Amino acid sequence: MLDFSKNYFDLFGLPVGYIVDASSLADRYRDLQRVVHPDRYANGTEQERRLSVQGASLINEAFETLKDPVARAAYLLSLHGVEMDAQNESTQDMAFLMQQMELREELESLREQAGPYEALLDLSGRINKQITDLVAQIAMQFETPNDEQLQEAREILRKMRFLQKLRAETERVEAELEDSLN
């Protein structure tokens, strides 16, 4: 069965670091799921069935964490002893906050525009570019992390969370625009 004490990287046989080979992660996920799948233990003892369900749950949680750049960064920070309160922490970078307010206003004004899809596509592209840039920045912070780099990674993660929420909002607006056409 699984060693529940391993961190997610060790569980998947991956090096601990921000950059993750998505193909290796997916392959290892499938391998691990086959090993602990509850159907394999349908005729097992109650303890084996329970451990199988717990193992499958752990593998799913680990996979979702490692495949998501934001969740992976938060997990890596926690492995280094840096805890974050996702609900109550926000960036202190005023220029970034102003930019986010402007992007949100732009998103809200899209609905009144004559060509909202083109504007939405442009906005989504800019948001994705910012996220890509932050992913590259945070990856550098985790290469050989010291306290200063971990604090910088924490700040970058705050920004990534803002942008992730904004990207979700753009997807919501896109769905609303599509619904209004039907």
C-alpha atoms as a PDB file:
ATOM      1  CA  MET A   1       0.000   0.000   0.000  1.00  0.00           C
ATOM      2  CA  LEU A   2       1.073   3.635   0.243  1.00  0.00           C
ATOM      3  CA  ASP A   3       3.357   5.359   2.691  1.00  0.00           C
ATOM      4  CA  PHE A   4       1.036   8.095   3.971  1.00  0.00           C
ATOM      5  CA  SER A   5       3.948   9.941   5.592  1.00  0.00           C
ATOM      6  CA  LYS A   6       5.594  10.854   2.263  1.00  0.00           C
ATOM      7  CA  ASN A   7       5.264  14.324   0.806  1.00  0.00           C
ATOM      8  CA  TYR A   8       3.428  14.582  -2.513  1.00  0.00           C
ATOM      9  CA  PHE A   9       6.620  14.746  -4.563  1.00  0.00           C
ATOM     10  CA  ASP A  10       8.054  11.624  -2.938  1.00  0.00           C
ATOM     11  CA  LEU A  11       4.702   9.875  -3.297  1.00  0.00           C
ATOM     12  CA  PHE A  12       4.897  10.412  -7.063  1.00  0.00           C
ATOM     13  CA  GLY A  13       8.624   9.724  -7.261  1.00  0.00           C
ATOM     14  CA  LEU A  14       9.338  13.277  -8.420  1.00  0.00           C
ATOM     15  CA  PRO A  15      12.098  15.632  -7.315  1.00  0.00           C
ATOM     16  CA  VAL A  16      10.934  18.252  -4.828  1.00  0.00           C
ATOM     17  CA  GLY A  17      10.777  21.478  -6.819  1.00  0.00           C
ATOM     18  CA  TYR A  18       8.464  23.864  -8.571  1.00  0.00           C
ATOM     19  CA  ILE A  19       9.036  22.574 -12.089  1.00  0.00           C
ATOM     20  CA  VAL A  20       7.100  19.333 -12.566  1.00  0.00           C
ATOM     21  CA  ASP A  21       7.136  17.149 -15.656  1.00  0.00           C
ATOM     22  CA  ALA A  22       3.399  16.971 -16.411  1.00  0.00           C
ATOM     23  CA  SER A  23       3.750  13.766 -18.420  1.00  0.00           C
ATOM     24  CA  SER A  24       5.637  11.967 -15.636  1.00  0.00           C
ATOM     25  CA  LEU A  25       3.114  13.247 -13.106  1.00  0.00           C
ATOM     26  CA  ALA A  26       0.175  11.921 -15.151  1.00  0.00           C
ATOM     27  CA  ASP A  27       1.880   8.570 -15.795  1.00  0.00           C
ATOM     28  CA  ARG A  28       2.716   8.098 -12.141  1.00  0.00           C
ATOM     29  CA  TYR A  29      -0.834   9.122 -11.156  1.00  0.00           C
ATOM     30  CA  ARG A  30      -2.297   6.369 -13.331  1.00  0.00           C
ATOM     31  CA  ASP A  31       0.190   3.837 -11.924  1.00  0.00           C
ATOM     32  CA  LEU A  32      -0.625   4.758  -8.329  1.00  0.00           C
ATOM     33  CA  GLN A  33      -4.369   4.707  -8.971  1.00  0.00           C
ATOM     34  CA  ARG A  34      -4.092   1.164 -10.300  1.00  0.00           C
ATOM     35  CA  VAL A  35      -2.246   0.079  -7.152  1.00  0.00           C
ATOM     36  CA  VAL A  36      -4.746   1.480  -4.645  1.00  0.00           C
ATOM     37  CA  HIS A  37      -7.995   1.448  -6.611  1.00  0.00           C
ATOM     38  CA  PRO A  38     -10.799   0.348  -4.252  1.00  0.00           C
ATOM     39  CA  ASP A  39     -12.026  -2.275  -6.751  1.00  0.00           C
ATOM     40  CA  ARG A  40      -8.784  -4.199  -6.196  1.00  0.00           C
ATOM     41  CA  TYR A  41      -9.673  -4.509  -2.512  1.00  0.00           C
ATOM     42  CA  ALA A  42     -13.398  -5.264  -2.823  1.00  0.00           C
ATOM     43  CA  ASN A  43     -12.827  -8.715  -1.314  1.00  0.00           C
ATOM     44  CA  GLY A  44     -10.171  -7.540   1.139  1.00  0.00           C
ATOM     45  CA  THR A  45     -10.468  -6.905   4.835  1.00  0.00           C
ATOM     46  CA  GLU A  46     -12.256  -3.842   6.114  1.00  0.00           C
ATOM     47  CA  GLN A  47      -8.886  -2.269   6.925  1.00  0.00           C
ATOM     48  CA  GLU A  48      -7.580  -2.943   3.397  1.00  0.00           C
ATOM     49  CA  ARG A  49     -10.699  -1.387   1.870  1.00  0.00           C
ATOM     50  CA  ARG A  50     -10.417   1.648   4.146  1.00  0.00           C
ATOM     51  CA  LEU A  51      -6.703   2.095   3.369  1.00  0.00           C
ATOM     52  CA  SER A  52      -7.453   1.762  -0.332  1.00  0.00           C
ATOM     53  CA  VAL A  53     -10.049   4.542  -0.202  1.00  0.00           C
ATOM     54  CA  GLN A  54      -7.711   6.729   1.863  1.00  0.00           C
ATOM     55  CA  GLY A  55      -4.857   6.004  -0.537  1.00  0.00           C
ATOM     56  CA  ALA A  56      -6.953   6.880  -3.583  1.00  0.00           C
ATOM     57  CA  SER A  57      -8.025  10.096  -1.869  1.00  0.00           C
ATOM     58  CA  LEU A  58      -4.421  10.994  -1.023  1.00  0.00           C
ATOM     59  CA  ILE A  59      -3.288  10.305  -4.586  1.00  0.00           C
ATOM     60  CA  ASN A  60      -6.089  12.465  -6.007  1.00  0.00           C
ATOM     61  CA  GLU A  61      -5.282  15.318  -3.618  1.00  0.00           C
ATOM     62  CA  ALA A  62      -1.559  15.079  -4.355  1.00  0.00           C
ATOM     63  CA  PHE A  63      -2.148  14.985  -8.113  1.00  0.00           C
ATOM     64  CA  GLU A  64      -4.466  18.017  -8.072  1.00  0.00           C
ATOM     65  CA  THR A  65      -1.951  19.926  -5.945  1.00  0.00           C
ATOM     66  CA  LEU A  66       1.081  19.109  -8.066  1.00  0.00           C
ATOM     67  CA  LYS A  67      -0.577  19.794 -11.428  1.00  0.00           C
ATOM     68  CA  ASP A  68      -1.842  23.264 -10.405  1.00  0.00           C
ATOM     69  CA  PRO A  69       0.930  25.912 -10.411  1.00  0.00           C
ATOM     70  CA  VAL A  70      -0.706  27.929  -7.615  1.00  0.00           C
ATOM     71  CA  ALA A  71      -1.468  24.961  -5.352  1.00  0.00           C
ATOM     72  CA  ARG A  72       1.996  23.520  -6.038  1.00  0.00           C
ATOM     73  CA  ALA A  73       3.651  26.788  -4.982  1.00  0.00           C
ATOM     74  CA  ALA A  74       1.616  26.928  -1.767  1.00  0.00           C
ATOM     75  CA  TYR A  75       2.474  23.288  -1.038  1.00  0.00           C
ATOM     76  CA  LEU A  76       6.188  23.885  -1.647  1.00  0.00           C
ATOM     77  CA  LEU A  77       6.105  26.881   0.675  1.00  0.00           C
ATOM     78  CA  SER A  78       4.469  24.730   3.353  1.00  0.00           C
ATOM     79  CA  LEU A  79       7.200  22.087   2.920  1.00  0.00           C
ATOM     80  CA  HIS A  80       9.694  24.879   3.647  1.00  0.00           C
ATOM     81  CA  GLY A  81       7.756  25.925   6.753  1.00  0.00           C
ATOM     82  CA  VAL A  82       6.091  28.977   5.194  1.00  0.00           C
ATOM     83  CA  GLU A  83       2.359  28.839   5.847  1.00  0.00           C
ATOM     84  CA  MET A  84      -0.110  31.073   4.056  1.00  0.00           C
ATOM     85  CA  ASP A  85      -3.655  32.035   4.865  1.00  0.00           C
ATOM     86  CA  ALA A  86      -5.237  32.049   1.415  1.00  0.00           C
ATOM     87  CA  GLN A  87      -8.278  33.954   2.632  1.00  0.00           C
ATOM     88  CA  ASN A  88      -6.580  36.776   4.494  1.00  0.00           C
ATOM     89  CA  GLU A  89      -3.292  37.383   2.707  1.00  0.00           C
ATOM     90  CA  SER A  90      -3.015  39.858  -0.105  1.00  0.00           C
ATOM     91  CA  THR A  91      -0.135  41.525  -1.820  1.00  0.00           C
ATOM     92  CA  GLN A  92       1.143  44.865  -0.612  1.00  0.00           C
ATOM     93  CA  ASP A  93       2.350  45.788  -4.108  1.00  0.00           C
ATOM     94  CA  MET A  94       0.193  48.860  -4.774  1.00  0.00           C
ATOM     95  CA  ALA A  95       1.031  49.038  -8.480  1.00  0.00           C
ATOM     96  CA  PHE A  96      -0.073  45.426  -8.881  1.00  0.00           C
ATOM     97  CA  LEU A  97      -3.281  46.064  -6.913  1.00  0.00           C
ATOM     98  CA  MET A  98      -4.102  49.099  -9.051  1.00  0.00           C
ATOM     99  CA  GLN A  99      -3.511  47.079 -12.195  1.00  0.00           C
ATOM    100  CA  GLN A 100      -5.846  44.363 -10.889  1.00  0.00           C
ATOM    101  CA  MET A 101      -8.559  46.936 -10.193  1.00  0.00           C
ATOM    102  CA  GLU A 102      -8.189  48.262 -13.733  1.00  0.00           C
ATOM    103  CA  LEU A 103      -8.378  44.765 -15.206  1.00  0.00           C
ATOM    104  CA  ARG A 104     -11.510  43.998 -13.176  1.00  0.00           C
ATOM    105  CA  GLU A 105     -13.121  47.243 -14.335  1.00  0.00           C
ATOM    106  CA  GLU A 106     -12.209  46.357 -17.905  1.00  0.00           C
ATOM    107  CA  LEU A 107     -13.782  42.934 -17.457  1.00  0.00           C
ATOM    108  CA  GLU A 108     -16.992  44.415 -16.081  1.00  0.00           C
ATOM    109  CA  SER A 109     -17.244  46.925 -18.932  1.00  0.00           C
ATOM    110  CA  LEU A 110     -16.904  44.194 -21.576  1.00  0.00           C
ATOM    111  CA  ARG A 111     -20.600  43.410 -21.491  1.00  0.00           C
ATOM    112  CA  GLU A 112     -21.520  46.826 -22.828  1.00  0.00           C
ATOM    113  CA  GLN A 113     -19.024  46.741 -25.681  1.00  0.00           C
ATOM    114  CA  ALA A 114     -20.043  46.077 -29.273  1.00  0.00           C
ATOM    115  CA  GLY A 115     -17.448  43.311 -29.728  1.00  0.00           C
ATOM    116  CA  PRO A 116     -17.135  41.770 -26.265  1.00  0.00           C
ATOM    117  CA  TYR A 117     -15.524  38.511 -27.424  1.00  0.00           C
ATOM    118  CA  GLU A 118     -12.514  40.179 -29.007  1.00  0.00           C
ATOM    119  CA  ALA A 119     -11.997  42.340 -25.935  1.00  0.00           C
ATOM    120  CA  LEU A 120     -12.434  39.310 -23.662  1.00  0.00           C
ATOM    121  CA  LEU A 121      -9.924  37.326 -25.717  1.00  0.00           C
ATOM    122  CA  ASP A 122      -7.433  40.189 -25.448  1.00  0.00           C
ATOM    123  CA  LEU A 123      -7.965  40.507 -21.692  1.00  0.00           C
ATOM    124  CA  SER A 124      -7.640  36.747 -21.178  1.00  0.00           C
ATOM    125  CA  GLY A 125      -4.412  36.761 -23.154  1.00  0.00           C
ATOM    126  CA  ARG A 126      -2.941  39.514 -20.990  1.00  0.00           C
ATOM    127  CA  ILE A 127      -3.956  37.735 -17.786  1.00  0.00           C
ATOM    128  CA  ASN A 128      -2.469  34.446 -19.009  1.00  0.00           C
ATOM    129  CA  LYS A 129       0.761  36.242 -19.959  1.00  0.00           C
ATOM    130  CA  GLN A 130       1.025  37.701 -16.446  1.00  0.00           C
ATOM    131  CA  ILE A 131       0.437  34.268 -14.926  1.00  0.00           C
ATOM    132  CA  THR A 132       3.090  32.745 -17.194  1.00  0.00           C
ATOM    133  CA  ASP A 133       5.544  35.463 -16.168  1.00  0.00           C
ATOM    134  CA  LEU A 134       4.824  34.871 -12.472  1.00  0.00           C
ATOM    135  CA  VAL A 135       5.224  31.104 -12.894  1.00  0.00           C
ATOM    136  CA  ALA A 136       8.708  31.712 -14.321  1.00  0.00           C
ATOM    137  CA  GLN A 137       9.536  34.086 -11.447  1.00  0.00           C
ATOM    138  CA  ILE A 138       8.343  31.733  -8.733  1.00  0.00           C
ATOM    139  CA  ALA A 139      10.180  28.789 -10.300  1.00  0.00           C
ATOM    140  CA  MET A 140      13.427  30.742  -9.928  1.00  0.00           C
ATOM    141  CA  GLN A 141      12.706  31.407  -6.247  1.00  0.00           C
ATOM    142  CA  PHE A 142      12.366  27.678  -5.570  1.00  0.00           C
ATOM    143  CA  GLU A 143      15.584  26.632  -7.353  1.00  0.00           C
ATOM    144  CA  THR A 144      17.779  27.021  -4.249  1.00  0.00           C
ATOM    145  CA  PRO A 145      15.426  28.645  -1.754  1.00  0.00           C
ATOM    146  CA  ASN A 146      16.667  30.651   1.191  1.00  0.00           C
ATOM    147  CA  ASP A 147      14.494  32.711   3.558  1.00  0.00           C
ATOM    148  CA  GLU A 148      14.541  35.775   1.300  1.00  0.00           C
ATOM    149  CA  GLN A 149      13.599  33.761  -1.774  1.00  0.00           C
ATOM    150  CA  LEU A 150      10.823  31.984   0.102  1.00  0.00           C
ATOM    151  CA  GLN A 151       9.352  35.338   1.139  1.00  0.00           C
ATOM    152  CA  GLU A 152       9.584  36.520  -2.470  1.00  0.00           C
ATOM    153  CA  ALA A 153       7.884  33.293  -3.593  1.00  0.00           C
ATOM    154  CA  ARG A 154       5.156  33.994  -1.041  1.00  0.00           C
ATOM    155  CA  GLU A 155       4.590  37.446  -2.533  1.00  0.00           C
ATOM    156  CA  ILE A 156       4.527  36.043  -6.069  1.00  0.00           C
ATOM    157  CA  LEU A 157       2.026  33.406  -4.949  1.00  0.00           C
ATOM    158  CA  ARG A 158      -0.261  36.136  -3.616  1.00  0.00           C
ATOM    159  CA  LYS A 159      -0.203  37.739  -7.065  1.00  0.00           C
ATOM    160  CA  MET A 160      -0.801  34.412  -8.772  1.00  0.00           C
ATOM    161  CA  ARG A 161      -3.897  33.884  -6.636  1.00  0.00           C
ATOM    162  CA  PHE A 162      -5.261  37.288  -7.638  1.00  0.00           C
ATOM    163  CA  LEU A 163      -4.739  36.481 -11.297  1.00  0.00           C
ATOM    164  CA  GLN A 164      -6.173  32.986 -10.952  1.00  0.00           C
ATOM    165  CA  LYS A 165      -9.372  34.488  -9.527  1.00  0.00           C
ATOM    166  CA  LEU A 166      -9.458  37.065 -12.299  1.00  0.00           C
ATOM    167  CA  ARG A 167      -9.021  34.334 -14.914  1.00  0.00           C
ATOM    168  CA  ALA A 168     -11.960  32.461 -13.358  1.00  0.00           C
ATOM    169  CA  GLU A 169     -13.998  35.666 -13.595  1.00  0.00           C
ATOM    170  CA  THR A 170     -13.159  36.025 -17.298  1.00  0.00           C
ATOM    171  CA  GLU A 171     -14.340  32.448 -17.828  1.00  0.00           C
ATOM    172  CA  ARG A 172     -17.571  33.246 -15.977  1.00  0.00           C
ATOM    173  CA  VAL A 173     -18.173  36.337 -18.130  1.00  0.00           C
ATOM    174  CA  GLU A 174     -17.453  34.321 -21.268  1.00  0.00           C
ATOM    175  CA  ALA A 175     -20.043  31.728 -20.201  1.00  0.00           C
ATOM    176  CA  GLU A 176     -22.577  34.494 -19.508  1.00  0.00           C
ATOM    177  CA  LEU A 177     -21.970  36.016 -22.941  1.00  0.00           C
ATOM    178  CA  GLU A 178     -22.439  32.615 -24.576  1.00  0.00           C
ATOM    179  CA  ASP A 179     -25.650  32.032 -22.605  1.00  0.00           C
ATOM    180  CA  SER A 180     -27.021  35.394 -23.736  1.00  0.00           C
ATOM    181  CA  LEU A 181     -26.672  34.274 -27.363  1.00  0.00           C
ATOM    182  CA  ASN A 182     -28.749  31.127 -26.814  1.00  0.00           C
END
